[in-house]
Amino acid sequence: MFIELVDALRCPNAHDESWLVAAARRMEARHIVEGTLGCPVCAAEYPIHHGVADFRRAPAPVAAARTDPGSDPDAAARLAAFLDLTDASGFAVLLGEWGVHATAVETLTQTPLLLVNPPAEIEGSPGISVLRCDDVLPLAAAASRGTALDDASPVLVHAAVRATRAGGRVAASVAVPVPDGVRELVRDEAWWVGEREQAPLPLLSLHVRRR
């Protein structure tokens, strides 16, 4: 888990949104390999093991990886382009199966990557952070610069969109419906690319002052 991403993490428990405190036992190049994330509100602790932060209520063995297209360099290049990963600012989220492209994408861009529930055997490394969670995504609203969605639960997809900043890119395969809050920009036979819409501003009450 890249130390710079800790500021974007939030405790998933039901209380006022809270940042987390990291205690590292082993680090490599500003990447927490072994450690713990703690919540100052509810005192919950979330382990980091092999660079993977685990926020699940009941951590379980990760399911065996399915056959995937992770060795496809064209898919990785398109993903980096669709998410507009042109510099090292911020970070991008790759949800689920998109994590298989992380190593290839990391060679094409300086943007840090955060993998959420990637396939089995994928561990964190400098430049690539990994977290596992239930349907509550432990990220602050508008934290990521771009997000690649897969066919995760609708609750997790909604949470991933919420965690994308306004104007940030969102990409997915055509099998994934365009979620609320995303404006589609372009589509081909395999992918669609959208943009996170600006959240509506709250209505203001106007009062007339009588003289």
Foldseek 3Di string as FASTA:
>chain_A
DQQVCQQFFWQLDPDPTFGWDWDAPDDDPNQRAWTWIATPPPRDIWTHHRQETENAPDDDAFDAFDDDPLVDLVVLVVVCVLQVQAAQPAAEEEEEASVSPQVSNVVVHNHQYEYENYHPPDGDDVSYGYYYYDLRGRGDFQRGQEYEDEPDDPSNVVNNLRNHHFFGKYKYFPVDDDDPQWAWDDDDNTMTMTGGHDDDDDDDDDDDDDD
